[in-house]
Amino acid sequence: TVDFRAPYMPENISLSDSEIIRVRSLERAKDFFSDNTLLNYKAARLAVIPLIDSSNFYKQLKQLADGSYFGEVFKAENLGAFEQD
């Protein structure tokens, strides 16, 4: 589910690339929801922006829900969109 309230819109989120990279490295839903869920959600919102291919987006979301890793689902060339700080 995507939260469209103002604080969660990408234009209102200010996070470092390292925070976005960190959330991309989480391997299990348990990891995403166990620490700082709000920060993880905001980072995830920013992480997917360069990766979204509208023709395959729902298929990719289903792959994630079925247990595939983020880096396996989304195009490798777009994973470099964020550089290490």
C-alpha atoms as a PDB file:
ATOM      1  CA  THR A   1       0.000   0.000   0.000  1.00  0.00           C
ATOM      2  CA  VAL A   2       1.255   3.451  -0.896  1.00  0.00           C
ATOM      3  CA  ASP A   3       0.612   6.288   1.539  1.00  0.00           C
ATOM      4  CA  PHE A   4      -0.246   9.474  -0.347  1.00  0.00           C
ATOM      5  CA  ARG A   5      -0.385  11.761   2.692  1.00  0.00           C
ATOM      6  CA  ALA A   6       1.896  14.795   2.386  1.00  0.00           C
ATOM      7  CA  PRO A   7       4.691  13.660   4.771  1.00  0.00           C
ATOM      8  CA  TYR A   8       5.167  10.470   2.728  1.00  0.00           C
ATOM      9  CA  MET A   9       5.284  12.009  -0.726  1.00  0.00           C
ATOM     10  CA  PRO A  10       8.754  11.796  -2.294  1.00  0.00           C
ATOM     11  CA  GLU A  11       9.024  15.555  -2.702  1.00  0.00           C
ATOM     12  CA  ASN A  12       8.644  15.920   1.090  1.00  0.00           C
ATOM     13  CA  ILE A  13      11.191  13.259   2.063  1.00  0.00           C
ATOM     14  CA  SER A  14      14.794  14.220   2.692  1.00  0.00           C
ATOM     15  CA  LEU A  15      17.101  11.231   3.263  1.00  0.00           C
ATOM     16  CA  SER A  16      20.706  10.538   2.410  1.00  0.00           C
ATOM     17  CA  ASP A  17      21.671   8.071  -0.297  1.00  0.00           C
ATOM     18  CA  SER A  18      23.169   5.843   2.400  1.00  0.00           C
ATOM     19  CA  GLU A  19      19.777   5.574   4.124  1.00  0.00           C
ATOM     20  CA  ILE A  20      18.186   4.554   0.828  1.00  0.00           C
ATOM     21  CA  ILE A  21      20.957   2.032   0.131  1.00  0.00           C
ATOM     22  CA  ARG A  22      20.532   0.584   3.630  1.00  0.00           C
ATOM     23  CA  VAL A  23      16.819  -0.086   3.149  1.00  0.00           C
ATOM     24  CA  ARG A  24      17.475  -1.676  -0.243  1.00  0.00           C
ATOM     25  CA  SER A  25      19.772  -4.155   1.481  1.00  0.00           C
ATOM     26  CA  LEU A  26      17.061  -5.434   3.837  1.00  0.00           C
ATOM     27  CA  GLU A  27      16.337  -9.016   2.859  1.00  0.00           C
ATOM     28  CA  ARG A  28      13.185  -9.900   4.794  1.00  0.00           C
ATOM     29  CA  ALA A  29       9.952  -8.123   5.654  1.00  0.00           C
ATOM     30  CA  LYS A  30      10.834  -8.810   9.303  1.00  0.00           C
ATOM     31  CA  ASP A  31      13.950  -6.627   8.870  1.00  0.00           C
ATOM     32  CA  PHE A  32      11.921  -3.836   7.286  1.00  0.00           C
ATOM     33  CA  PHE A  33       9.332  -3.758  10.077  1.00  0.00           C
ATOM     34  CA  SER A  34      11.540  -4.483  13.086  1.00  0.00           C
ATOM     35  CA  ASP A  35      13.613  -1.322  13.474  1.00  0.00           C
ATOM     36  CA  ASN A  36      12.452   2.093  12.310  1.00  0.00           C
ATOM     37  CA  THR A  37       9.504   1.297  10.067  1.00  0.00           C
ATOM     38  CA  LEU A  38       8.702   4.935   9.289  1.00  0.00           C
ATOM     39  CA  LEU A  39      12.256   5.681   8.151  1.00  0.00           C
ATOM     40  CA  ASN A  40      12.352   2.423   6.177  1.00  0.00           C
ATOM     41  CA  TYR A  41       9.064   3.278   4.457  1.00  0.00           C
ATOM     42  CA  LYS A  42      10.272   6.739   3.455  1.00  0.00           C
ATOM     43  CA  ALA A  43      13.565   5.327   2.152  1.00  0.00           C
ATOM     44  CA  ALA A  44      11.697   2.666   0.205  1.00  0.00           C
ATOM     45  CA  ARG A  45       9.506   5.337  -1.405  1.00  0.00           C
ATOM     46  CA  LEU A  46      12.638   7.053  -2.686  1.00  0.00           C
ATOM     47  CA  ALA A  47      14.421   3.820  -3.616  1.00  0.00           C
ATOM     48  CA  VAL A  48      11.801   2.696  -6.109  1.00  0.00           C
ATOM     49  CA  ILE A  49      11.450   5.934  -8.071  1.00  0.00           C
ATOM     50  CA  PRO A  50      14.238   5.209 -10.601  1.00  0.00           C
ATOM     51  CA  LEU A  51      13.240   1.541 -10.803  1.00  0.00           C
ATOM     52  CA  ILE A  52       9.583   1.699 -11.727  1.00  0.00           C
ATOM     53  CA  ASP A  53       8.739   0.295 -15.144  1.00  0.00           C
ATOM     54  CA  SER A  54       4.995   0.876 -15.398  1.00  0.00           C
ATOM     55  CA  SER A  55       4.483  -2.028 -17.799  1.00  0.00           C
ATOM     56  CA  ASN A  56       5.852  -4.540 -15.225  1.00  0.00           C
ATOM     57  CA  PHE A  57       5.327  -2.791 -11.900  1.00  0.00           C
ATOM     58  CA  TYR A  58       2.544  -4.978 -10.462  1.00  0.00           C
ATOM     59  CA  LYS A  59       4.313  -8.133 -11.610  1.00  0.00           C
ATOM     60  CA  GLN A  60       7.466  -6.909  -9.827  1.00  0.00           C
ATOM     61  CA  LEU A  61       5.523  -6.141  -6.633  1.00  0.00           C
ATOM     62  CA  LYS A  62       4.094  -9.667  -6.694  1.00  0.00           C
ATOM     63  CA  GLN A  63       7.623 -11.074  -7.046  1.00  0.00           C
ATOM     64  CA  LEU A  64       8.649  -9.145  -3.906  1.00  0.00           C
ATOM     65  CA  ALA A  65       5.558 -10.375  -2.067  1.00  0.00           C
ATOM     66  CA  ASP A  66       6.436 -13.919  -3.115  1.00  0.00           C
ATOM     67  CA  GLY A  67       9.873 -13.593  -1.491  1.00  0.00           C
ATOM     68  CA  SER A  68      12.202 -12.435  -4.266  1.00  0.00           C
ATOM     69  CA  TYR A  69      14.974 -10.026  -3.295  1.00  0.00           C
ATOM     70  CA  PHE A  70      14.738  -6.355  -4.257  1.00  0.00           C
ATOM     71  CA  GLY A  71      17.918  -6.513  -6.369  1.00  0.00           C
ATOM     72  CA  GLU A  72      16.668  -9.588  -8.243  1.00  0.00           C
ATOM     73  CA  VAL A  73      13.350  -8.012  -9.153  1.00  0.00           C
ATOM     74  CA  PHE A  74      14.404  -4.577 -10.307  1.00  0.00           C
ATOM     75  CA  LYS A  75      16.768  -3.836 -13.164  1.00  0.00           C
ATOM     76  CA  ALA A  76      20.427  -4.004 -12.165  1.00  0.00           C
ATOM     77  CA  GLU A  77      21.381  -0.915 -14.190  1.00  0.00           C
ATOM     78  CA  ASN A  78      18.954   1.196 -12.140  1.00  0.00           C
ATOM     79  CA  LEU A  79      20.235  -0.039  -8.776  1.00  0.00           C
ATOM     80  CA  GLY A  80      23.202   2.311  -9.099  1.00  0.00           C
ATOM     81  CA  ALA A  81      20.905   5.338  -9.023  1.00  0.00           C
ATOM     82  CA  PHE A  82      22.008   6.047  -5.468  1.00  0.00           C
ATOM     83  CA  GLU A  83      25.660   6.362  -4.642  1.00  0.00           C
ATOM     84  CA  GLN A  84      27.293   5.657  -1.310  1.00  0.00           C
ATOM     85  CA  ASP A  85      27.800   8.845   0.802  1.00  0.00           C
END
